[in-house]
């Protein structure tokens, strides 16, 4: 793991509600990626396995 940022899907404040964002990983290599979700005081990191 190199610790580089490869994509930022949303980087703005939004009003409360449900939102959907589509991720297209065709330009990324297969492997394990770490993603982080944050909203207010909530922060969660998880693994994403990308297989091609």
PDB file of N, CA and C in Angstrom:
ATOM      1  N   UNK A   1       0.844  -1.176   0.000  1.00  0.00           N
ATOM      2  CA  UNK A   1       0.000   0.000   0.000  1.00  0.00           C
ATOM      3  C   UNK A   1       0.886   1.235   0.000  1.00  0.00           C
ATOM      4  N   UNK A   2       0.643   2.082  -0.956  1.00  0.00           N
ATOM      5  CA  UNK A   2       1.470   3.265  -1.122  1.00  0.00           C
ATOM      6  C   UNK A   2       0.928   4.487  -0.392  1.00  0.00           C
ATOM      7  N   UNK A   3      -0.347   4.481  -0.022  1.00  0.00           N
ATOM      8  CA  UNK A   3      -0.929   5.619   0.684  1.00  0.00           C
ATOM      9  C   UNK A   3      -1.256   6.787  -0.217  1.00  0.00           C
ATOM     10  N   UNK A   4      -1.432   6.540  -1.517  1.00  0.00           N
ATOM     11  CA  UNK A   4      -1.775   7.609  -2.441  1.00  0.00           C
ATOM     12  C   UNK A   4      -3.288   7.711  -2.596  1.00  0.00           C
ATOM     13  N   UNK A   5      -3.747   8.906  -2.866  1.00  0.00           N
ATOM     14  CA  UNK A   5      -5.161   9.112  -3.185  1.00  0.00           C
ATOM     15  C   UNK A   5      -5.339   8.854  -4.678  1.00  0.00           C
ATOM     16  N   UNK A   6      -6.265   7.963  -5.035  1.00  0.00           N
ATOM     17  CA  UNK A   6      -6.479   7.648  -6.446  1.00  0.00           C
ATOM     18  C   UNK A   6      -7.757   8.264  -6.997  1.00  0.00           C
ATOM     19  N   UNK A   7      -8.707   8.624  -6.130  1.00  0.00           N
ATOM     20  CA  UNK A   7      -9.952   9.233  -6.590  1.00  0.00           C
ATOM     21  C   UNK A   7     -10.648   9.913  -5.420  1.00  0.00           C
ATOM     22  N   UNK A   8     -11.352  10.972  -5.718  1.00  0.00           N
ATOM     23  CA  UNK A   8     -12.211  11.634  -4.744  1.00  0.00           C
ATOM     24  C   UNK A   8     -13.586  11.743  -5.381  1.00  0.00           C
ATOM     25  N   UNK A   9     -14.556  11.032  -4.821  1.00  0.00           N
ATOM     26  CA  UNK A   9     -15.878  10.987  -5.449  1.00  0.00           C
ATOM     27  C   UNK A   9     -16.720  12.205  -5.120  1.00  0.00           C
ATOM     28  N   UNK A  10     -16.733  12.614  -3.862  1.00  0.00           N
ATOM     29  CA  UNK A  10     -17.507  13.786  -3.441  1.00  0.00           C
ATOM     30  C   UNK A  10     -16.673  14.543  -2.417  1.00  0.00           C
ATOM     31  N   UNK A  11     -16.493  15.833  -2.640  1.00  0.00           N
ATOM     32  CA  UNK A  11     -15.745  16.657  -1.698  1.00  0.00           C
ATOM     33  C   UNK A  11     -16.462  17.996  -1.541  1.00  0.00           C
ATOM     34  N   UNK A  12     -17.673  17.931  -0.997  1.00  0.00           N
ATOM     35  CA  UNK A  12     -18.474  19.139  -0.799  1.00  0.00           C
ATOM     36  C   UNK A  12     -19.497  18.892   0.299  1.00  0.00           C
ATOM     37  N   UNK A  13     -19.995  19.961   0.889  1.00  0.00           N
ATOM     38  CA  UNK A  13     -21.053  19.851   1.891  1.00  0.00           C
ATOM     39  C   UNK A  13     -22.380  19.640   1.186  1.00  0.00           C
ATOM     40  N   UNK A  14     -23.184  18.749   1.746  1.00  0.00           N
ATOM     41  CA  UNK A  14     -24.514  18.471   1.185  1.00  0.00           C
ATOM     42  C   UNK A  14     -25.541  18.533   2.305  1.00  0.00           C
ATOM     43  N   UNK A  15     -26.761  18.870   1.943  1.00  0.00           N
ATOM     44  CA  UNK A  15     -27.857  18.882   2.911  1.00  0.00           C
ATOM     45  C   UNK A  15     -28.193  17.443   3.291  1.00  0.00           C
ATOM     46  N   UNK A  16     -28.849  17.275   4.419  1.00  0.00           N
ATOM     47  CA  UNK A  16     -29.235  15.937   4.874  1.00  0.00           C
ATOM     48  C   UNK A  16     -30.111  15.271   3.821  1.00  0.00           C
ATOM     49  N   UNK A  17     -29.932  13.978   3.642  1.00  0.00           N
ATOM     50  CA  UNK A  17     -30.719  13.237   2.674  1.00  0.00           C
ATOM     51  C   UNK A  17     -29.947  12.049   2.155  1.00  0.00           C
ATOM     52  N   UNK A  18     -30.494  11.376   1.157  1.00  0.00           N
ATOM     53  CA  UNK A  18     -29.845  10.220   0.533  1.00  0.00           C
ATOM     54  C   UNK A  18     -29.226  10.640  -0.783  1.00  0.00           C
ATOM     55  N   UNK A  19     -28.016  10.168  -0.995  1.00  0.00           N
ATOM     56  CA  UNK A  19     -27.306  10.473  -2.226  1.00  0.00           C
ATOM     57  C   UNK A  19     -26.694   9.197  -2.771  1.00  0.00           C
ATOM     58  N   UNK A  20     -26.513   9.159  -4.066  1.00  0.00           N
ATOM     59  CA  UNK A  20     -25.901   8.021  -4.725  1.00  0.00           C
ATOM     60  C   UNK A  20     -24.785   8.534  -5.626  1.00  0.00           C
ATOM     61  N   UNK A  21     -23.629   7.862  -5.571  1.00  0.00           N
ATOM     62  CA  UNK A  21     -22.485   8.228  -6.398  1.00  0.00           C
ATOM     63  C   UNK A  21     -21.982   6.962  -7.064  1.00  0.00           C
ATOM     64  N   UNK A  22     -21.753   7.023  -8.366  1.00  0.00           N
ATOM     65  CA  UNK A  22     -21.260   5.860  -9.094  1.00  0.00           C
ATOM     66  C   UNK A  22     -19.744   5.927  -9.203  1.00  0.00           C
ATOM     67  N   UNK A  23     -19.079   4.804  -8.895  1.00  0.00           N
ATOM     68  CA  UNK A  23     -17.625   4.718  -8.959  1.00  0.00           C
ATOM     69  C   UNK A  23     -17.234   3.891 -10.172  1.00  0.00           C
ATOM     70  N   UNK A  24     -16.345   4.420 -11.009  1.00  0.00           N
ATOM     71  CA  UNK A  24     -15.865   3.719 -12.193  1.00  0.00           C
ATOM     72  C   UNK A  24     -14.370   3.468 -12.016  1.00  0.00           C
ATOM     73  N   UNK A  25     -13.993   2.217 -11.789  1.00  0.00           N
ATOM     74  CA  UNK A  25     -12.601   1.872 -11.532  1.00  0.00           C
ATOM     75  C   UNK A  25     -11.878   1.292 -12.724  1.00  0.00           C
ATOM     76  N   UNK A  26     -12.327   1.601 -13.937  1.00  0.00           N
ATOM     77  CA  UNK A  26     -11.698   1.006 -15.124  1.00  0.00           C
ATOM     78  C   UNK A  26     -10.251   1.461 -15.310  1.00  0.00           C
ATOM     79  N   UNK A  27      -9.889   2.625 -14.806  1.00  0.00           N
ATOM     80  CA  UNK A  27      -8.519   3.132 -14.957  1.00  0.00           C
ATOM     81  C   UNK A  27      -7.594   2.663 -13.838  1.00  0.00           C
ATOM     82  N   UNK A  28      -8.124   1.921 -12.869  1.00  0.00           N
ATOM     83  CA  UNK A  28      -7.322   1.450 -11.737  1.00  0.00           C
ATOM     84  C   UNK A  28      -6.928  -0.009 -11.926  1.00  0.00           C
ATOM     85  N   UNK A  29      -5.808  -0.382 -11.342  1.00  0.00           N
ATOM     86  CA  UNK A  29      -5.351  -1.768 -11.394  1.00  0.00           C
ATOM     87  C   UNK A  29      -6.132  -2.611 -10.394  1.00  0.00           C
ATOM     88  N   UNK A  30      -6.203  -3.918 -10.640  1.00  0.00           N
ATOM     89  CA  UNK A  30      -6.809  -4.830  -9.673  1.00  0.00           C
ATOM     90  C   UNK A  30      -6.015  -4.778  -8.381  1.00  0.00           C
ATOM     91  N   UNK A  31      -6.697  -4.901  -7.265  1.00  0.00           N
ATOM     92  CA  UNK A  31      -6.006  -4.891  -5.984  1.00  0.00           C
ATOM     93  C   UNK A  31      -6.936  -4.508  -4.863  1.00  0.00           C
ATOM     94  N   UNK A  32      -6.346  -4.273  -3.698  1.00  0.00           N
ATOM     95  CA  UNK A  32      -7.095  -3.886  -2.506  1.00  0.00           C
ATOM     96  C   UNK A  32      -6.927  -2.386  -2.308  1.00  0.00           C
ATOM     97  N   UNK A  33      -8.033  -1.693  -2.153  1.00  0.00           N
ATOM     98  CA  UNK A  33      -8.042  -0.254  -1.939  1.00  0.00           C
ATOM     99  C   UNK A  33      -8.749   0.033  -0.617  1.00  0.00           C
ATOM    100  N   UNK A  34      -8.356   1.097   0.046  1.00  0.00           N
ATOM    101  CA  UNK A  34      -8.986   1.547   1.293  1.00  0.00           C
ATOM    102  C   UNK A  34      -9.796   2.797   0.956  1.00  0.00           C
ATOM    103  N   UNK A  35     -11.068   2.799   1.370  1.00  0.00           N
ATOM    104  CA  UNK A  35     -11.865   4.007   1.172  1.00  0.00           C
ATOM    105  C   UNK A  35     -12.337   4.533   2.516  1.00  0.00           C
ATOM    106  N   UNK A  36     -12.568   5.843   2.566  1.00  0.00           N
ATOM    107  CA  UNK A  36     -12.974   6.503   3.808  1.00  0.00           C
ATOM    108  C   UNK A  36     -14.252   7.289   3.573  1.00  0.00           C
ATOM    109  N   UNK A  37     -15.233   7.070   4.452  1.00  0.00           N
ATOM    110  CA  UNK A  37     -16.471   7.843   4.452  1.00  0.00           C
ATOM    111  C   UNK A  37     -16.458   8.735   5.677  1.00  0.00           C
ATOM    112  N   UNK A  38     -16.786  10.003   5.491  1.00  0.00           N
ATOM    113  CA  UNK A  38     -16.844  10.895   6.650  1.00  0.00           C
ATOM    114  C   UNK A  38     -18.017  11.852   6.500  1.00  0.00           C
ATOM    115  N   UNK A  39     -18.711  12.058   7.614  1.00  0.00           N
ATOM    116  CA  UNK A  39     -19.846  12.969   7.667  1.00  0.00           C
ATOM    117  C   UNK A  39     -19.942  13.508   9.082  1.00  0.00           C
ATOM    118  N   UNK A  40     -19.684  14.778   9.251  1.00  0.00           N
ATOM    119  CA  UNK A  40     -19.688  15.358  10.598  1.00  0.00           C
ATOM    120  C   UNK A  40     -18.622  14.701  11.449  1.00  0.00           C
ATOM    121  N   UNK A  41     -19.025  14.138  12.593  1.00  0.00           N
ATOM    122  CA  UNK A  41     -18.085  13.441  13.484  1.00  0.00           C
ATOM    123  C   UNK A  41     -17.890  11.982  13.101  1.00  0.00           C
ATOM    124  N   UNK A  42     -18.668  11.482  12.145  1.00  0.00           N
ATOM    125  CA  UNK A  42     -18.582  10.092  11.723  1.00  0.00           C
ATOM    126  C   UNK A  42     -17.478   9.913  10.688  1.00  0.00           C
ATOM    127  N   UNK A  43     -16.565   8.970  10.935  1.00  0.00           N
ATOM    128  CA  UNK A  43     -15.515   8.619   9.978  1.00  0.00           C
ATOM    129  C   UNK A  43     -15.378   7.107   9.991  1.00  0.00           C
ATOM    130  N   UNK A  44     -15.411   6.498   8.797  1.00  0.00           N
ATOM    131  CA  UNK A  44     -15.271   5.048   8.700  1.00  0.00           C
ATOM    132  C   UNK A  44     -14.416   4.699   7.496  1.00  0.00           C
ATOM    133  N   UNK A  45     -13.456   3.800   7.685  1.00  0.00           N
ATOM    134  CA  UNK A  45     -12.599   3.319   6.599  1.00  0.00           C
ATOM    135  C   UNK A  45     -12.868   1.832   6.376  1.00  0.00           C
ATOM    136  N   UNK A  46     -12.888   1.422   5.133  1.00  0.00           N
ATOM    137  CA  UNK A  46     -13.118   0.013   4.783  1.00  0.00           C
ATOM    138  C   UNK A  46     -12.261  -0.357   3.599  1.00  0.00           C
ATOM    139  N   UNK A  47     -12.158  -1.663   3.348  1.00  0.00           N
ATOM    140  CA  UNK A  47     -11.398  -2.171   2.217  1.00  0.00           C
ATOM    141  C   UNK A  47     -12.331  -2.432   1.039  1.00  0.00           C
ATOM    142  N   UNK A  48     -11.822  -2.203  -0.149  1.00  0.00           N
ATOM    143  CA  UNK A  48     -12.533  -2.494  -1.381  1.00  0.00           C
ATOM    144  C   UNK A  48     -11.603  -3.356  -2.225  1.00  0.00           C
ATOM    145  N   UNK A  49     -12.078  -4.510  -2.675  1.00  0.00           N
ATOM    146  CA  UNK A  49     -11.285  -5.382  -3.550  1.00  0.00           C
ATOM    147  C   UNK A  49     -11.771  -5.176  -4.972  1.00  0.00           C
ATOM    148  N   UNK A  50     -10.858  -4.747  -5.838  1.00  0.00           N
ATOM    149  CA  UNK A  50     -11.185  -4.500  -7.237  1.00  0.00           C
ATOM    150  C   UNK A  50     -10.580  -5.621  -8.078  1.00  0.00           C
ATOM    151  N   UNK A  51     -11.446  -6.381  -8.734  1.00  0.00           N
ATOM    152  CA  UNK A  51     -11.009  -7.485  -9.590  1.00  0.00           C
ATOM    153  C   UNK A  51     -11.419  -7.209 -11.023  1.00  0.00           C
ATOM    154  N   UNK A  52     -10.520  -7.483 -11.923  1.00  0.00           N
ATOM    155  CA  UNK A  52     -10.825  -7.270 -13.350  1.00  0.00           C
ATOM    156  C   UNK A  52     -10.709  -8.564 -14.096  1.00  0.00           C
TER     157      UNK A  52
END
